[in-house]
Amino acid sequence: MGGSVSLQDIEAAVGDVVILPCSPNKALQVKVTVYWRFRDTNTVYDIIDGRAADYQDESFRGRVDSFPAEWTKGNFSIKLHDLTKADGGMYTCFVPAVYTRSSVYLSVKDSPLPMGPGGSSQDLRKLGSPGPTTEPPVLGNRGDKRRPENVLLFSAALLGLTLT
């Protein structure tokens, strides 16, 4: 009964959108349960028996999206919108079925990150994992569906990034 633990650091600025990665890369049952926590106690996003749970801490309501089409592939990454300084800290994704715990330390800066070569603030992939490998609709905690490429283009425009 082996498990795994991982830790990743992500830097972003107030107002940014980040993807917090959680991909155990193991075959999982259809009705999987996953818990996302902030500082070990605050509920960010839960998947219970293969369905998004309704309960969420107030500070995360309306700001967290997930990728349901990716769950059966073992990708439980979440997208956190409209970052605030209070969002900085340790996020943990726990997948009990495979004894996997992934932790992400998010540092939120007051101002946009400095410009790098080519005029972009940083490579978009450094804001988190690459996200889903396909382009399924993104399911927000409001139940609406948006195409990820539209969200990505909008996010890139807000961040002043150029996509190649």
N, C-alpha and C. Protein backbone atom coordinates (compact mmCIF):
# COMPACT_ATOMS: atom_id res chain seq x y z
N MET A 1 0.85 -1.16 0.00
CA MET A 1 0.00 0.00 0.00
C MET A 1 0.89 1.23 0.00
N GLY A 2 1.47 1.56 -1.17
CA GLY A 2 2.34 2.71 -1.24
C GLY A 2 1.59 3.93 -1.68
N GLY A 3 2.00 5.07 -1.19
CA GLY A 3 1.40 6.33 -1.58
C GLY A 3 2.47 7.25 -2.10
N SER A 4 2.07 8.44 -2.49
CA SER A 4 3.06 9.39 -2.95
C SER A 4 2.71 10.78 -2.45
N VAL A 5 3.75 11.59 -2.32
CA VAL A 5 3.61 12.97 -1.87
C VAL A 5 4.44 13.83 -2.81
N SER A 6 3.91 14.97 -3.22
CA SER A 6 4.68 15.88 -4.05
C SER A 6 4.46 17.30 -3.57
N LEU A 7 5.44 18.17 -3.86
CA LEU A 7 5.36 19.58 -3.48
C LEU A 7 5.83 20.43 -4.65
N GLN A 8 5.08 21.47 -4.95
CA GLN A 8 5.43 22.38 -6.05
C GLN A 8 5.21 23.81 -5.57
N ASP A 9 6.05 24.74 -6.04
CA ASP A 9 5.90 26.16 -5.75
C ASP A 9 5.41 26.89 -7.00
N ILE A 10 4.44 27.79 -6.82
CA ILE A 10 3.92 28.59 -7.91
C ILE A 10 3.89 30.04 -7.45
N GLU A 11 4.34 30.95 -8.32
CA GLU A 11 4.26 32.39 -8.05
C GLU A 11 3.27 33.03 -9.00
N ALA A 12 2.49 33.97 -8.48
CA ALA A 12 1.53 34.70 -9.30
C ALA A 12 1.33 36.08 -8.68
N ALA A 13 0.55 36.90 -9.35
CA ALA A 13 0.27 38.25 -8.86
C ALA A 13 -1.21 38.39 -8.55
N VAL A 14 -1.53 39.38 -7.73
CA VAL A 14 -2.92 39.68 -7.40
C VAL A 14 -3.70 39.85 -8.71
N GLY A 15 -4.87 39.21 -8.80
CA GLY A 15 -5.72 39.29 -9.98
C GLY A 15 -5.47 38.20 -11.01
N ASP A 16 -4.36 37.48 -10.88
CA ASP A 16 -4.02 36.42 -11.84
C ASP A 16 -4.97 35.23 -11.73
N VAL A 17 -4.84 34.35 -12.72
CA VAL A 17 -5.51 33.05 -12.75
C VAL A 17 -4.39 32.00 -12.73
N VAL A 18 -4.51 31.00 -11.86
CA VAL A 18 -3.50 29.94 -11.81
C VAL A 18 -4.17 28.57 -11.87
N ILE A 19 -3.41 27.61 -12.39
CA ILE A 19 -3.84 26.22 -12.33
C ILE A 19 -3.02 25.54 -11.25
N LEU A 20 -3.71 24.95 -10.29
CA LEU A 20 -3.05 24.20 -9.23
C LEU A 20 -3.09 22.74 -9.63
N PRO A 21 -1.92 22.14 -9.87
CA PRO A 21 -1.89 20.78 -10.42
C PRO A 21 -2.16 19.69 -9.40
N CYS A 22 -2.83 18.64 -9.87
CA CYS A 22 -3.04 17.43 -9.09
C CYS A 22 -3.30 16.30 -10.07
N SER A 23 -2.27 15.55 -10.38
CA SER A 23 -2.37 14.46 -11.35
C SER A 23 -1.61 13.25 -10.85
N PRO A 24 -2.27 12.36 -10.11
CA PRO A 24 -1.58 11.18 -9.58
C PRO A 24 -1.06 10.24 -10.66
N ASN A 25 -1.52 10.37 -11.91
CA ASN A 25 -1.07 9.53 -13.02
C ASN A 25 -1.25 8.04 -12.74
N LYS A 26 -2.37 7.69 -12.16
CA LYS A 26 -2.70 6.29 -11.90
C LYS A 26 -4.12 6.05 -12.39
N ALA A 27 -4.37 4.82 -12.81
CA ALA A 27 -5.72 4.46 -13.24
C ALA A 27 -6.67 4.60 -12.05
N LEU A 28 -7.78 5.26 -12.27
CA LEU A 28 -8.72 5.51 -11.17
C LEU A 28 -10.12 5.06 -11.55
N GLN A 29 -10.89 4.77 -10.53
CA GLN A 29 -12.27 4.39 -10.75
C GLN A 29 -13.07 5.61 -11.21
N VAL A 30 -14.22 5.36 -11.79
CA VAL A 30 -15.06 6.44 -12.31
C VAL A 30 -15.57 7.32 -11.17
N LYS A 31 -15.94 6.73 -10.06
CA LYS A 31 -16.51 7.49 -8.94
C LYS A 31 -15.43 7.80 -7.91
N VAL A 32 -14.46 8.58 -8.33
CA VAL A 32 -13.33 8.92 -7.48
C VAL A 32 -13.69 10.04 -6.50
N THR A 33 -12.98 10.09 -5.38
CA THR A 33 -13.14 11.14 -4.40
C THR A 33 -11.80 11.87 -4.26
N VAL A 34 -11.86 13.20 -4.31
CA VAL A 34 -10.66 14.03 -4.22
C VAL A 34 -10.99 15.22 -3.33
N TYR A 35 -10.06 15.57 -2.46
CA TYR A 35 -10.24 16.71 -1.57
C TYR A 35 -9.15 17.75 -1.83
N TRP A 36 -9.55 18.99 -2.12
CA TRP A 36 -8.63 20.11 -2.23
C TRP A 36 -8.79 20.96 -0.97
N ARG A 37 -7.68 21.23 -0.26
CA ARG A 37 -7.72 22.03 0.96
C ARG A 37 -6.70 23.16 0.89
N PHE A 38 -7.03 24.25 1.57
CA PHE A 38 -6.13 25.38 1.72
C PHE A 38 -5.73 25.44 3.18
N ARG A 39 -4.43 25.44 3.43
CA ARG A 39 -3.90 25.44 4.81
C ARG A 39 -4.51 24.31 5.63
N ASP A 40 -4.70 23.18 5.01
CA ASP A 40 -5.18 21.92 5.62
C ASP A 40 -6.63 21.91 6.10
N THR A 41 -7.28 23.06 6.25
CA THR A 41 -8.62 23.04 6.83
C THR A 41 -9.71 23.66 5.95
N ASN A 42 -9.38 24.63 5.11
CA ASN A 42 -10.39 25.32 4.31
C ASN A 42 -10.69 24.52 3.04
N THR A 43 -11.97 24.27 2.78
CA THR A 43 -12.37 23.51 1.60
C THR A 43 -12.33 24.40 0.36
N VAL A 44 -11.46 24.01 -0.59
CA VAL A 44 -11.33 24.74 -1.85
C VAL A 44 -12.25 24.13 -2.89
N TYR A 45 -12.18 22.80 -3.05
CA TYR A 45 -12.98 22.09 -4.05
C TYR A 45 -12.94 20.61 -3.71
N ASP A 46 -14.07 19.95 -3.74
CA ASP A 46 -14.13 18.52 -3.48
C ASP A 46 -14.85 17.81 -4.61
N ILE A 47 -14.37 16.61 -4.89
CA ILE A 47 -15.04 15.71 -5.83
C ILE A 47 -15.42 14.50 -5.00
N ILE A 48 -16.70 14.22 -4.89
CA ILE A 48 -17.18 13.10 -4.08
C ILE A 48 -17.88 12.12 -4.99
N ASP A 49 -17.39 10.89 -5.03
CA ASP A 49 -17.96 9.84 -5.88
C ASP A 49 -18.14 10.31 -7.32
N GLY A 50 -17.14 11.00 -7.85
CA GLY A 50 -17.15 11.42 -9.25
C GLY A 50 -18.00 12.63 -9.56
N ARG A 51 -18.45 13.36 -8.54
CA ARG A 51 -19.27 14.56 -8.76
C ARG A 51 -18.72 15.72 -7.94
N ALA A 52 -18.78 16.92 -8.50
CA ALA A 52 -18.34 18.11 -7.77
C ALA A 52 -19.26 18.34 -6.58
N ALA A 53 -18.68 18.50 -5.41
CA ALA A 53 -19.47 18.74 -4.20
C ALA A 53 -19.92 20.20 -4.16
N ASP A 54 -21.04 20.45 -3.48
CA ASP A 54 -21.58 21.80 -3.39
C ASP A 54 -20.86 22.65 -2.35
N TYR A 55 -20.34 22.02 -1.30
CA TYR A 55 -19.77 22.81 -0.21
C TYR A 55 -18.38 23.34 -0.57
N GLN A 56 -18.17 24.61 -0.23
CA GLN A 56 -16.90 25.28 -0.47
C GLN A 56 -16.79 26.41 0.53
N ASP A 57 -15.58 26.69 1.00
CA ASP A 57 -15.42 27.86 1.86
C ASP A 57 -15.79 29.11 1.07
N GLU A 58 -16.39 30.06 1.77
CA GLU A 58 -16.91 31.28 1.16
C GLU A 58 -15.87 32.00 0.30
N SER A 59 -14.63 32.05 0.75
CA SER A 59 -13.61 32.81 0.03
C SER A 59 -13.27 32.22 -1.34
N PHE A 60 -13.67 30.96 -1.60
CA PHE A 60 -13.37 30.33 -2.89
C PHE A 60 -14.59 30.24 -3.82
N ARG A 61 -15.77 30.54 -3.32
CA ARG A 61 -16.98 30.44 -4.14
C ARG A 61 -16.91 31.35 -5.35
N GLY A 62 -17.22 30.78 -6.51
CA GLY A 62 -17.24 31.54 -7.75
C GLY A 62 -15.86 31.78 -8.34
N ARG A 63 -14.80 31.22 -7.72
CA ARG A 63 -13.45 31.48 -8.20
C ARG A 63 -12.67 30.21 -8.55
N VAL A 64 -13.31 29.03 -8.44
CA VAL A 64 -12.60 27.78 -8.69
C VAL A 64 -13.31 27.00 -9.81
N ASP A 65 -12.52 26.56 -10.79
CA ASP A 65 -13.03 25.70 -11.86
C ASP A 65 -12.25 24.40 -11.84
N SER A 66 -12.87 23.37 -12.40
CA SER A 66 -12.23 22.06 -12.51
C SER A 66 -12.43 21.54 -13.93
N PHE A 67 -11.86 20.39 -14.22
CA PHE A 67 -11.91 19.80 -15.55
C PHE A 67 -12.50 18.38 -15.47
N PRO A 68 -13.82 18.25 -15.35
CA PRO A 68 -14.45 16.95 -15.14
C PRO A 68 -14.10 15.89 -16.18
N ALA A 69 -13.92 16.28 -17.44
CA ALA A 69 -13.57 15.30 -18.48
C ALA A 69 -12.19 14.70 -18.24
N GLU A 70 -11.38 15.35 -17.43
CA GLU A 70 -10.03 14.87 -17.14
C GLU A 70 -9.96 13.96 -15.90
N TRP A 71 -11.01 13.92 -15.11
CA TRP A 71 -10.98 13.15 -13.86
C TRP A 71 -10.68 11.68 -14.09
N THR A 72 -11.29 11.07 -15.11
CA THR A 72 -11.06 9.64 -15.35
C THR A 72 -9.64 9.38 -15.84
N LYS A 73 -8.94 10.43 -16.29
CA LYS A 73 -7.55 10.30 -16.71
C LYS A 73 -6.58 10.57 -15.55
N GLY A 74 -7.14 10.86 -14.37
CA GLY A 74 -6.30 11.11 -13.21
C GLY A 74 -5.83 12.55 -13.07
N ASN A 75 -6.48 13.49 -13.75
CA ASN A 75 -6.11 14.90 -13.63
C ASN A 75 -7.19 15.62 -12.84
N PHE A 76 -6.84 16.04 -11.62
CA PHE A 76 -7.78 16.73 -10.74
C PHE A 76 -7.34 18.16 -10.47
N SER A 77 -6.59 18.72 -11.42
CA SER A 77 -6.12 20.09 -11.29
C SER A 77 -7.32 21.04 -11.22
N ILE A 78 -7.11 22.16 -10.54
CA ILE A 78 -8.16 23.18 -10.45
C ILE A 78 -7.59 24.51 -10.91
N LYS A 79 -8.48 25.38 -11.36
CA LYS A 79 -8.10 26.72 -11.79
C LYS A 79 -8.68 27.69 -10.78
N LEU A 80 -7.82 28.56 -10.22
CA LEU A 80 -8.24 29.55 -9.24
C LEU A 80 -8.14 30.94 -9.88
N HIS A 81 -9.26 31.66 -9.88
CA HIS A 81 -9.38 32.98 -10.53
C HIS A 81 -9.25 34.11 -9.53
N ASP A 82 -8.94 35.30 -10.06
CA ASP A 82 -8.98 36.54 -9.28
C ASP A 82 -8.20 36.42 -7.96
N LEU A 83 -6.93 36.07 -8.07
CA LEU A 83 -6.11 35.88 -6.87
C LEU A 83 -6.05 37.13 -6.00
N THR A 84 -6.02 36.90 -4.70
CA THR A 84 -5.82 37.96 -3.72
C THR A 84 -4.60 37.59 -2.88
N LYS A 85 -4.08 38.53 -2.13
CA LYS A 85 -2.95 38.24 -1.24
C LYS A 85 -3.32 37.13 -0.26
N ALA A 86 -4.57 37.10 0.18
CA ALA A 86 -5.03 36.09 1.15
C ALA A 86 -5.00 34.68 0.58
N ASP A 87 -4.91 34.53 -0.75
CA ASP A 87 -4.86 33.22 -1.38
C ASP A 87 -3.48 32.57 -1.26
N GLY A 88 -2.49 33.33 -0.84
CA GLY A 88 -1.15 32.77 -0.71
C GLY A 88 -1.08 31.75 0.41
N GLY A 89 -0.38 30.64 0.16
CA GLY A 89 -0.22 29.61 1.18
C GLY A 89 -0.24 28.22 0.56
N MET A 90 -0.36 27.21 1.40
CA MET A 90 -0.27 25.82 0.99
C MET A 90 -1.65 25.26 0.60
N TYR A 91 -1.71 24.69 -0.61
CA TYR A 91 -2.90 23.99 -1.11
C TYR A 91 -2.56 22.52 -1.19
N THR A 92 -3.49 21.66 -0.80
CA THR A 92 -3.25 20.23 -0.82
C THR A 92 -4.38 19.51 -1.52
N CYS A 93 -4.01 18.62 -2.43
CA CYS A 93 -4.95 17.75 -3.13
C CYS A 93 -4.71 16.34 -2.61
N PHE A 94 -5.73 15.72 -2.06
CA PHE A 94 -5.61 14.37 -1.52
C PHE A 94 -6.54 13.43 -2.27
N VAL A 95 -5.99 12.34 -2.80
CA VAL A 95 -6.77 11.34 -3.54
C VAL A 95 -6.68 10.05 -2.73
N PRO A 96 -7.65 9.79 -1.86
CA PRO A 96 -7.57 8.64 -0.96
C PRO A 96 -7.46 7.28 -1.66
N ALA A 97 -8.10 7.12 -2.82
CA ALA A 97 -8.11 5.82 -3.51
C ALA A 97 -6.71 5.33 -3.88
N VAL A 98 -5.79 6.28 -4.12
CA VAL A 98 -4.42 5.90 -4.52
C VAL A 98 -3.39 6.44 -3.52
N TYR A 99 -3.85 6.85 -2.35
CA TYR A 99 -2.96 7.32 -1.28
C TYR A 99 -1.99 8.37 -1.78
N THR A 100 -2.51 9.35 -2.51
CA THR A 100 -1.68 10.40 -3.09
C THR A 100 -2.03 11.75 -2.50
N ARG A 101 -0.99 12.48 -2.15
CA ARG A 101 -1.15 13.83 -1.62
C ARG A 101 -0.21 14.76 -2.39
N SER A 102 -0.78 15.75 -3.07
CA SER A 102 0.01 16.74 -3.81
C SER A 102 -0.17 18.08 -3.13
N SER A 103 0.93 18.75 -2.85
CA SER A 103 0.86 20.06 -2.22
C SER A 103 1.47 21.10 -3.15
N VAL A 104 0.83 22.26 -3.17
CA VAL A 104 1.29 23.38 -3.98
C VAL A 104 1.37 24.59 -3.06
N TYR A 105 2.56 25.22 -3.01
CA TYR A 105 2.68 26.46 -2.25
C TYR A 105 2.53 27.61 -3.22
N LEU A 106 1.48 28.41 -3.03
CA LEU A 106 1.19 29.54 -3.90
C LEU A 106 1.65 30.83 -3.24
N SER A 107 2.55 31.55 -3.91
CA SER A 107 2.99 32.88 -3.46
C SER A 107 2.29 33.90 -4.33
N VAL A 108 1.57 34.83 -3.70
CA VAL A 108 0.85 35.86 -4.44
C VAL A 108 1.51 37.21 -4.17
N LYS A 109 2.02 37.81 -5.23
CA LYS A 109 2.69 39.11 -5.15
C LYS A 109 1.68 40.24 -5.36
N ASP A 110 2.01 41.42 -4.85
CA ASP A 110 1.13 42.58 -4.99
C ASP A 110 0.97 43.06 -6.42
N SER A 111 2.04 43.02 -7.20
CA SER A 111 1.99 43.58 -8.54
C SER A 111 2.32 42.50 -9.55
N PRO A 112 2.07 42.77 -10.83
CA PRO A 112 2.39 41.77 -11.85
C PRO A 112 3.86 41.36 -11.79
N LEU A 113 4.12 40.15 -12.22
CA LEU A 113 5.48 39.63 -12.23
C LEU A 113 6.31 40.39 -13.26
N PRO A 114 7.63 40.53 -13.04
CA PRO A 114 8.47 41.30 -13.95
C PRO A 114 8.48 40.72 -15.36
N MET A 115 8.70 41.61 -16.32
CA MET A 115 8.75 41.19 -17.72
C MET A 115 10.01 40.41 -18.00
N GLY A 116 9.89 39.37 -18.78
CA GLY A 116 11.03 38.55 -19.16
C GLY A 116 11.42 38.85 -20.59
N PRO A 117 12.33 38.04 -21.15
CA PRO A 117 12.72 38.26 -22.54
C PRO A 117 11.51 38.09 -23.46
N GLY A 118 11.43 38.89 -24.48
CA GLY A 118 10.33 38.80 -25.43
C GLY A 118 9.10 39.57 -24.99
N GLY A 119 9.16 40.24 -23.84
CA GLY A 119 8.05 41.07 -23.40
C GLY A 119 6.94 40.35 -22.68
N SER A 120 7.11 39.07 -22.35
CA SER A 120 6.06 38.38 -21.61
C SER A 120 6.45 38.32 -20.14
N SER A 121 5.45 38.34 -19.26
CA SER A 121 5.76 38.37 -17.83
C SER A 121 6.34 37.04 -17.38
N GLN A 122 5.89 35.96 -17.92
CA GLN A 122 6.49 34.65 -17.69
C GLN A 122 5.76 33.64 -18.54
N ASP A 123 6.38 32.51 -18.75
CA ASP A 123 5.75 31.46 -19.53
C ASP A 123 4.50 31.00 -18.80
N LEU A 124 3.36 30.92 -19.51
CA LEU A 124 2.09 30.57 -18.88
C LEU A 124 2.15 29.24 -18.16
N ARG A 125 2.98 28.31 -18.64
CA ARG A 125 3.07 27.00 -17.99
C ARG A 125 3.60 27.10 -16.58
N LYS A 126 4.34 28.14 -16.25
CA LYS A 126 4.88 28.30 -14.90
C LYS A 126 3.81 28.71 -13.90
N LEU A 127 2.62 29.03 -14.37
CA LEU A 127 1.53 29.36 -13.47
C LEU A 127 0.85 28.11 -12.95
N GLY A 128 1.32 26.95 -13.33
CA GLY A 128 0.75 25.70 -12.86
C GLY A 128 0.99 24.62 -13.88
N SER A 129 0.28 23.53 -13.76
CA SER A 129 0.43 22.43 -14.69
C SER A 129 -0.17 22.82 -16.03
N PRO A 130 0.13 22.06 -17.07
CA PRO A 130 -0.44 22.39 -18.37
C PRO A 130 -1.94 22.21 -18.43
N GLY A 131 -2.54 21.66 -17.41
CA GLY A 131 -3.99 21.48 -17.40
C GLY A 131 -4.37 20.27 -18.24
N PRO A 132 -5.58 20.24 -18.71
CA PRO A 132 -6.04 19.08 -19.46
C PRO A 132 -5.33 18.95 -20.80
N THR A 133 -5.22 17.71 -21.28
CA THR A 133 -4.55 17.47 -22.54
C THR A 133 -5.50 17.65 -23.72
N THR A 134 -6.79 17.66 -23.47
CA THR A 134 -7.78 17.91 -24.51
C THR A 134 -8.47 19.22 -24.18
N GLU A 135 -9.50 19.56 -24.94
CA GLU A 135 -10.18 20.81 -24.69
C GLU A 135 -11.63 20.58 -24.31
N PRO A 136 -11.86 19.96 -23.13
CA PRO A 136 -13.24 19.76 -22.69
C PRO A 136 -13.79 21.06 -22.12
N PRO A 137 -15.12 21.16 -22.00
CA PRO A 137 -15.67 22.33 -21.33
C PRO A 137 -15.15 22.37 -19.90
N VAL A 138 -14.93 23.57 -19.40
CA VAL A 138 -14.51 23.75 -18.02
C VAL A 138 -15.77 23.90 -17.20
N LEU A 139 -15.87 23.14 -16.10
CA LEU A 139 -17.04 23.23 -15.24
C LEU A 139 -16.67 24.08 -14.04
N GLY A 140 -17.29 25.23 -13.94
CA GLY A 140 -17.05 26.10 -12.79
C GLY A 140 -17.95 25.69 -11.65
N ASN A 141 -17.67 26.22 -10.49
CA ASN A 141 -18.51 25.87 -9.36
C ASN A 141 -19.85 26.60 -9.41
N ARG A 142 -20.06 27.35 -10.46
CA ARG A 142 -21.37 27.97 -10.69
C ARG A 142 -22.20 27.11 -11.64
N GLY A 143 -21.63 26.01 -12.14
CA GLY A 143 -22.35 25.11 -13.03
C GLY A 143 -22.33 25.54 -14.48
N ASP A 144 -21.64 26.67 -14.80
CA ASP A 144 -21.61 27.11 -16.19
C ASP A 144 -20.50 26.40 -16.94
N LYS A 145 -20.62 26.40 -18.26
CA LYS A 145 -19.59 25.76 -19.09
C LYS A 145 -18.94 26.81 -19.96
N ARG A 146 -17.62 26.78 -19.98
CA ARG A 146 -16.86 27.69 -20.82
C ARG A 146 -15.80 26.88 -21.53
N ARG A 147 -15.44 27.28 -22.72
CA ARG A 147 -14.38 26.60 -23.45
C ARG A 147 -13.04 27.04 -22.88
N PRO A 148 -12.13 26.12 -22.55
CA PRO A 148 -10.85 26.49 -21.95
C PRO A 148 -10.02 27.41 -22.82
N GLU A 149 -10.11 27.26 -24.17
CA GLU A 149 -9.29 28.13 -25.01
C GLU A 149 -9.72 29.58 -24.88
N ASN A 150 -11.02 29.83 -24.66
CA ASN A 150 -11.49 31.20 -24.46
C ASN A 150 -10.97 31.76 -23.15
N VAL A 151 -11.01 30.95 -22.11
CA VAL A 151 -10.50 31.37 -20.81
C VAL A 151 -9.00 31.61 -20.90
N LEU A 152 -8.28 30.72 -21.60
CA LEU A 152 -6.84 30.86 -21.73
C LEU A 152 -6.48 32.12 -22.49
N LEU A 153 -7.17 32.40 -23.60
CA LEU A 153 -6.89 33.60 -24.37
C LEU A 153 -7.18 34.85 -23.56
N PHE A 154 -8.30 34.84 -22.85
CA PHE A 154 -8.65 35.98 -22.01
C PHE A 154 -7.61 36.16 -20.91
N SER A 155 -7.21 35.05 -20.27
CA SER A 155 -6.19 35.12 -19.20
C SER A 155 -4.88 35.62 -19.75
N ALA A 156 -4.49 35.13 -20.92
CA ALA A 156 -3.23 35.57 -21.53
C ALA A 156 -3.28 37.05 -21.85
N ALA A 157 -4.42 37.53 -22.33
CA ALA A 157 -4.55 38.94 -22.64
C ALA A 157 -4.43 39.79 -21.38
N LEU A 158 -5.08 39.34 -20.29
CA LEU A 158 -4.99 40.06 -19.03
C LEU A 158 -3.57 40.09 -18.50
N LEU A 159 -2.85 39.00 -18.68
CA LEU A 159 -1.49 38.92 -18.17
C LEU A 159 -0.48 39.54 -19.12
N GLY A 160 -0.91 39.91 -20.32
CA GLY A 160 -0.01 40.52 -21.27
C GLY A 160 0.95 39.52 -21.90
N LEU A 161 0.53 38.25 -21.96
CA LEU A 161 1.38 37.21 -22.52
C LEU A 161 1.14 37.06 -24.01
N THR A 162 2.16 36.62 -24.71
CA THR A 162 1.98 36.27 -26.11
C THR A 162 2.12 34.77 -26.23
N LEU A 163 1.14 34.14 -26.82
CA LEU A 163 1.15 32.70 -26.98
C LEU A 163 1.75 32.35 -28.34
N THR A 164 2.68 31.38 -28.35
CA THR A 164 3.28 30.96 -29.62
C THR A 164 2.97 29.53 -29.88
